[in-house]
Amino acid sequence: MTHPTEPKLPESLEAIRAALDAGPTSGPWETVGSIVRTARRPEDMSGLLIADCGIHDPHRIETAAFIAACNPEAITALLDALKARDAEIERLRGDAERLDYLQRRGATVEILPSGLSWKFQVGGFHGAVNHDIRAAIDQARAEGGEKTK
């Protein structure tokens, strides 16, 4: 679910993922002037041409460097990092909703001994006890008719 304050990522990310899934030539890639190629193979010191950015001028050399830096492994790592970030944001958003619940309801949280560990008791109009504070809050929220993830 997209949060109202979350910037929307370009739809082109789906196209990028599809292009990666199609199996482009793997990296690393390197530049020679305005030419982008795969890294040299030890057996014959050649590399597979990836892109020829045209005549050698500073702008085209910079473009070639950009293309080389955007090899499939680098883009896959970037997309994986975005996916991990999104999962962490969703986890943190869930915690924020739990804290908001406690604040809205004026609920209390007590730590109760339970053998060699602890239990958390969420008090207030709807209460719950659980070894996991998140589960205790979610249980109290559910008993109060509030939707939880």
C-alpha atoms as a PDB file:
ATOM      1  CA  MET A   1       0.000   0.000   0.000  1.00  0.00           C
ATOM      2  CA  THR A   2       1.319   3.445  -0.844  1.00  0.00           C
ATOM      3  CA  HIS A   3       1.255   5.925   2.018  1.00  0.00           C
ATOM      4  CA  PRO A   4      -0.135   9.395   1.148  1.00  0.00           C
ATOM      5  CA  THR A   5       3.185  11.089   1.973  1.00  0.00           C
ATOM      6  CA  GLU A   6       5.323   8.529   0.151  1.00  0.00           C
ATOM      7  CA  PRO A   7       6.746   9.635  -3.192  1.00  0.00           C
ATOM      8  CA  LYS A   8       5.633   7.401  -6.035  1.00  0.00           C
ATOM      9  CA  LEU A   9       8.414   5.570  -7.809  1.00  0.00           C
ATOM     10  CA  PRO A  10       8.320   5.753 -11.575  1.00  0.00           C
ATOM     11  CA  GLU A  11       6.372   3.083 -13.403  1.00  0.00           C
ATOM     12  CA  SER A  12       9.537   2.573 -15.409  1.00  0.00           C
ATOM     13  CA  LEU A  13      10.846   0.467 -12.512  1.00  0.00           C
ATOM     14  CA  GLU A  14       8.581  -2.332 -13.735  1.00  0.00           C
ATOM     15  CA  ALA A  15      10.081  -1.970 -17.210  1.00  0.00           C
ATOM     16  CA  ILE A  16      13.580  -2.013 -15.730  1.00  0.00           C
ATOM     17  CA  ARG A  17      12.818  -5.189 -13.753  1.00  0.00           C
ATOM     18  CA  ALA A  18      11.367  -6.818 -16.889  1.00  0.00           C
ATOM     19  CA  ALA A  19      14.471  -5.874 -18.879  1.00  0.00           C
ATOM     20  CA  LEU A  20      16.684  -7.390 -16.182  1.00  0.00           C
ATOM     21  CA  ASP A  21      14.572 -10.546 -16.149  1.00  0.00           C
ATOM     22  CA  ALA A  22      15.106 -10.840 -19.921  1.00  0.00           C
ATOM     23  CA  GLY A  23      18.807 -11.483 -19.238  1.00  0.00           C
ATOM     24  CA  PRO A  24      20.981  -8.625 -20.524  1.00  0.00           C
ATOM     25  CA  THR A  25      24.754  -8.993 -20.794  1.00  0.00           C
ATOM     26  CA  SER A  26      26.097  -9.112 -17.275  1.00  0.00           C
ATOM     27  CA  GLY A  27      28.641  -6.686 -15.892  1.00  0.00           C
ATOM     28  CA  PRO A  28      30.925  -5.337 -14.896  1.00  0.00           C
ATOM     29  CA  TRP A  29      31.103  -2.980 -17.835  1.00  0.00           C
ATOM     30  CA  GLU A  30      33.908  -0.573 -18.567  1.00  0.00           C
ATOM     31  CA  THR A  31      34.494   2.390 -20.837  1.00  0.00           C
ATOM     32  CA  VAL A  32      37.138   3.059 -23.429  1.00  0.00           C
ATOM     33  CA  GLY A  33      36.552   6.658 -24.418  1.00  0.00           C
ATOM     34  CA  SER A  34      32.909   6.790 -25.495  1.00  0.00           C
ATOM     35  CA  ILE A  35      32.583   3.009 -25.932  1.00  0.00           C
ATOM     36  CA  VAL A  36      31.038   0.775 -23.293  1.00  0.00           C
ATOM     37  CA  ARG A  37      32.046  -2.883 -23.249  1.00  0.00           C
ATOM     38  CA  THR A  38      32.159  -5.833 -20.927  1.00  0.00           C
ATOM     39  CA  ALA A  39      35.317  -6.225 -18.905  1.00  0.00           C
ATOM     40  CA  ARG A  40      38.172  -7.737 -20.896  1.00  0.00           C
ATOM     41  CA  ARG A  41      38.331 -11.495 -21.040  1.00  0.00           C
ATOM     42  CA  PRO A  42      41.701 -12.840 -19.872  1.00  0.00           C
ATOM     43  CA  GLU A  43      42.027 -15.281 -22.768  1.00  0.00           C
ATOM     44  CA  ASP A  44      42.021 -12.703 -25.564  1.00  0.00           C
ATOM     45  CA  MET A  45      41.793  -9.305 -23.804  1.00  0.00           C
ATOM     46  CA  SER A  46      38.614  -8.471 -25.710  1.00  0.00           C
ATOM     47  CA  GLY A  47      35.271  -7.280 -24.410  1.00  0.00           C
ATOM     48  CA  LEU A  48      31.769  -7.436 -25.849  1.00  0.00           C
ATOM     49  CA  LEU A  49      30.525  -4.073 -27.165  1.00  0.00           C
ATOM     50  CA  ILE A  50      27.596  -2.786 -25.108  1.00  0.00           C
ATOM     51  CA  ALA A  51      27.227   0.737 -26.509  1.00  0.00           C
ATOM     52  CA  ASP A  52      29.028   3.144 -28.779  1.00  0.00           C
ATOM     53  CA  CYS A  53      28.176   6.690 -27.738  1.00  0.00           C
ATOM     54  CA  GLY A  54      29.688   8.251 -30.853  1.00  0.00           C
ATOM     55  CA  ILE A  55      32.529  10.628 -31.375  1.00  0.00           C
ATOM     56  CA  HIS A  56      34.870  11.293 -28.471  1.00  0.00           C
ATOM     57  CA  ASP A  57      33.785  14.444 -26.715  1.00  0.00           C
ATOM     58  CA  PRO A  58      33.435  15.040 -22.970  1.00  0.00           C
ATOM     59  CA  HIS A  59      29.642  14.726 -22.931  1.00  0.00           C
ATOM     60  CA  ARG A  60      29.642  11.398 -24.775  1.00  0.00           C
ATOM     61  CA  ILE A  61      32.427  10.061 -22.578  1.00  0.00           C
ATOM     62  CA  GLU A  62      30.346  10.989 -19.497  1.00  0.00           C
ATOM     63  CA  THR A  63      27.321   9.272 -21.065  1.00  0.00           C
ATOM     64  CA  ALA A  64      29.381   6.137 -21.656  1.00  0.00           C
ATOM     65  CA  ALA A  65      30.566   6.196 -18.028  1.00  0.00           C
ATOM     66  CA  PHE A  66      26.946   6.478 -16.876  1.00  0.00           C
ATOM     67  CA  ILE A  67      25.874   3.516 -19.034  1.00  0.00           C
ATOM     68  CA  ALA A  68      28.793   1.424 -17.730  1.00  0.00           C
ATOM     69  CA  ALA A  69      27.894   2.254 -14.119  1.00  0.00           C
ATOM     70  CA  CYS A  70      24.295   1.142 -14.777  1.00  0.00           C
ATOM     71  CA  ASN A  71      25.201  -2.456 -15.563  1.00  0.00           C
ATOM     72  CA  PRO A  72      22.647  -5.174 -14.701  1.00  0.00           C
ATOM     73  CA  GLU A  73      24.271  -6.132 -11.395  1.00  0.00           C
ATOM     74  CA  ALA A  74      24.327  -2.515 -10.194  1.00  0.00           C
ATOM     75  CA  ILE A  75      20.686  -1.950 -11.169  1.00  0.00           C
ATOM     76  CA  THR A  76      19.612  -5.255  -9.572  1.00  0.00           C
ATOM     77  CA  ALA A  77      21.341  -4.221  -6.333  1.00  0.00           C
ATOM     78  CA  LEU A  78      19.604  -0.840  -6.484  1.00  0.00           C
ATOM     79  CA  LEU A  79      16.162  -2.410  -7.008  1.00  0.00           C
ATOM     80  CA  ASP A  80      16.814  -4.908  -4.200  1.00  0.00           C
ATOM     81  CA  ALA A  81      17.800  -2.041  -1.879  1.00  0.00           C
ATOM     82  CA  LEU A  82      14.554  -0.214  -2.767  1.00  0.00           C
ATOM     83  CA  LYS A  83      12.535  -3.351  -2.038  1.00  0.00           C
ATOM     84  CA  ALA A  84      14.265  -3.805   1.339  1.00  0.00           C
ATOM     85  CA  ARG A  85      13.695  -0.123   2.135  1.00  0.00           C
ATOM     86  CA  ASP A  86      10.010  -0.441   1.300  1.00  0.00           C
ATOM     87  CA  ALA A  87       9.688  -3.487   3.595  1.00  0.00           C
ATOM     88  CA  GLU A  88      11.385  -1.577   6.433  1.00  0.00           C
ATOM     89  CA  ILE A  89       9.135   1.438   5.882  1.00  0.00           C
ATOM     90  CA  GLU A  90       6.085  -0.830   6.070  1.00  0.00           C
ATOM     91  CA  ARG A  91       7.369  -2.406   9.310  1.00  0.00           C
ATOM     92  CA  LEU A  92       8.007   1.018  10.850  1.00  0.00           C
ATOM     93  CA  ARG A  93       4.619   2.266   9.673  1.00  0.00           C
ATOM     94  CA  GLY A  94       3.016  -0.652  11.549  1.00  0.00           C
ATOM     95  CA  ASP A  95       4.866   0.346  14.721  1.00  0.00           C
ATOM     96  CA  ALA A  96       3.742   3.955  14.277  1.00  0.00           C
ATOM     97  CA  GLU A  97       0.123   2.775  13.972  1.00  0.00           C
ATOM     98  CA  ARG A  98       0.526   0.756  17.186  1.00  0.00           C
ATOM     99  CA  LEU A  99       1.898   3.774  19.055  1.00  0.00           C
ATOM    100  CA  ASP A 100      -0.876   5.955  17.644  1.00  0.00           C
ATOM    101  CA  TYR A 101      -3.399   3.410  18.949  1.00  0.00           C
ATOM    102  CA  LEU A 102      -1.901   3.572  22.448  1.00  0.00           C
ATOM    103  CA  GLN A 103      -1.949   7.359  22.409  1.00  0.00           C
ATOM    104  CA  ARG A 104      -5.501   7.674  21.001  1.00  0.00           C
ATOM    105  CA  ARG A 105      -6.920   5.229  23.541  1.00  0.00           C
ATOM    106  CA  GLY A 106      -4.874   6.419  26.490  1.00  0.00           C
ATOM    107  CA  ALA A 107      -3.871   2.784  26.856  1.00  0.00           C
ATOM    108  CA  THR A 108      -1.221   1.615  29.271  1.00  0.00           C
ATOM    109  CA  VAL A 109       1.502  -0.954  28.732  1.00  0.00           C
ATOM    110  CA  GLU A 110       2.686  -2.997  31.686  1.00  0.00           C
ATOM    111  CA  ILE A 111       5.584  -5.428  31.726  1.00  0.00           C
ATOM    112  CA  LEU A 112       4.687  -8.601  33.630  1.00  0.00           C
ATOM    113  CA  PRO A 113       7.105 -11.325  34.723  1.00  0.00           C
ATOM    114  CA  SER A 114       6.460 -14.646  32.997  1.00  0.00           C
ATOM    115  CA  GLY A 115       8.872 -17.339  34.073  1.00  0.00           C
ATOM    116  CA  LEU A 116      12.236 -16.556  32.554  1.00  0.00           C
ATOM    117  CA  SER A 117      10.808 -13.947  30.184  1.00  0.00           C
ATOM    118  CA  TRP A 118       8.262 -11.133  30.138  1.00  0.00           C
ATOM    119  CA  LYS A 119       4.747 -10.515  28.960  1.00  0.00           C
ATOM    120  CA  PHE A 120       3.296  -7.209  27.916  1.00  0.00           C
ATOM    121  CA  GLN A 121      -0.162  -6.213  29.070  1.00  0.00           C
ATOM    122  CA  VAL A 122      -1.958  -3.519  27.126  1.00  0.00           C
ATOM    123  CA  GLY A 123      -4.543  -1.924  29.365  1.00  0.00           C
ATOM    124  CA  GLY A 124      -7.446   0.366  28.748  1.00  0.00           C
ATOM    125  CA  PHE A 125     -10.946  -0.307  27.464  1.00  0.00           C
ATOM    126  CA  HIS A 126      -9.677  -3.209  25.321  1.00  0.00           C
ATOM    127  CA  GLY A 127      -6.822  -5.134  26.903  1.00  0.00           C
ATOM    128  CA  ALA A 128      -4.515  -7.966  25.908  1.00  0.00           C
ATOM    129  CA  VAL A 129      -1.551  -9.905  27.249  1.00  0.00           C
ATOM    130  CA  ASN A 130       1.190 -11.400  25.068  1.00  0.00           C
ATOM    131  CA  HIS A 131       4.928 -12.128  25.093  1.00  0.00           C
ATOM    132  CA  ASP A 132       5.309  -9.836  22.067  1.00  0.00           C
ATOM    133  CA  ILE A 133       4.408  -6.184  22.633  1.00  0.00           C
ATOM    134  CA  ARG A 134       3.400  -5.733  18.992  1.00  0.00           C
ATOM    135  CA  ALA A 135       1.079  -8.749  19.177  1.00  0.00           C
ATOM    136  CA  ALA A 136      -0.423  -7.482  22.459  1.00  0.00           C
ATOM    137  CA  ILE A 137      -1.170  -4.087  20.935  1.00  0.00           C
ATOM    138  CA  ASP A 138      -2.546  -5.675  17.756  1.00  0.00           C
ATOM    139  CA  GLN A 139      -4.774  -7.972  19.832  1.00  0.00           C
ATOM    140  CA  ALA A 140      -6.129  -5.015  21.821  1.00  0.00           C
ATOM    141  CA  ARG A 141      -6.739  -3.109  18.595  1.00  0.00           C
ATOM    142  CA  ALA A 142      -8.571  -6.070  17.059  1.00  0.00           C
ATOM    143  CA  GLU A 143     -10.760  -6.529  20.157  1.00  0.00           C
ATOM    144  CA  GLY A 144     -11.699  -2.876  19.778  1.00  0.00           C
ATOM    145  CA  GLY A 145     -12.768  -3.487  16.169  1.00  0.00           C
ATOM    146  CA  GLU A 146      -9.786  -1.720  14.602  1.00  0.00           C
ATOM    147  CA  LYS A 147      -8.214  -3.220  11.487  1.00  0.00           C
ATOM    148  CA  THR A 148      -4.601  -4.337  11.796  1.00  0.00           C
ATOM    149  CA  LYS A 149      -2.104  -5.674   9.288  1.00  0.00           C
END
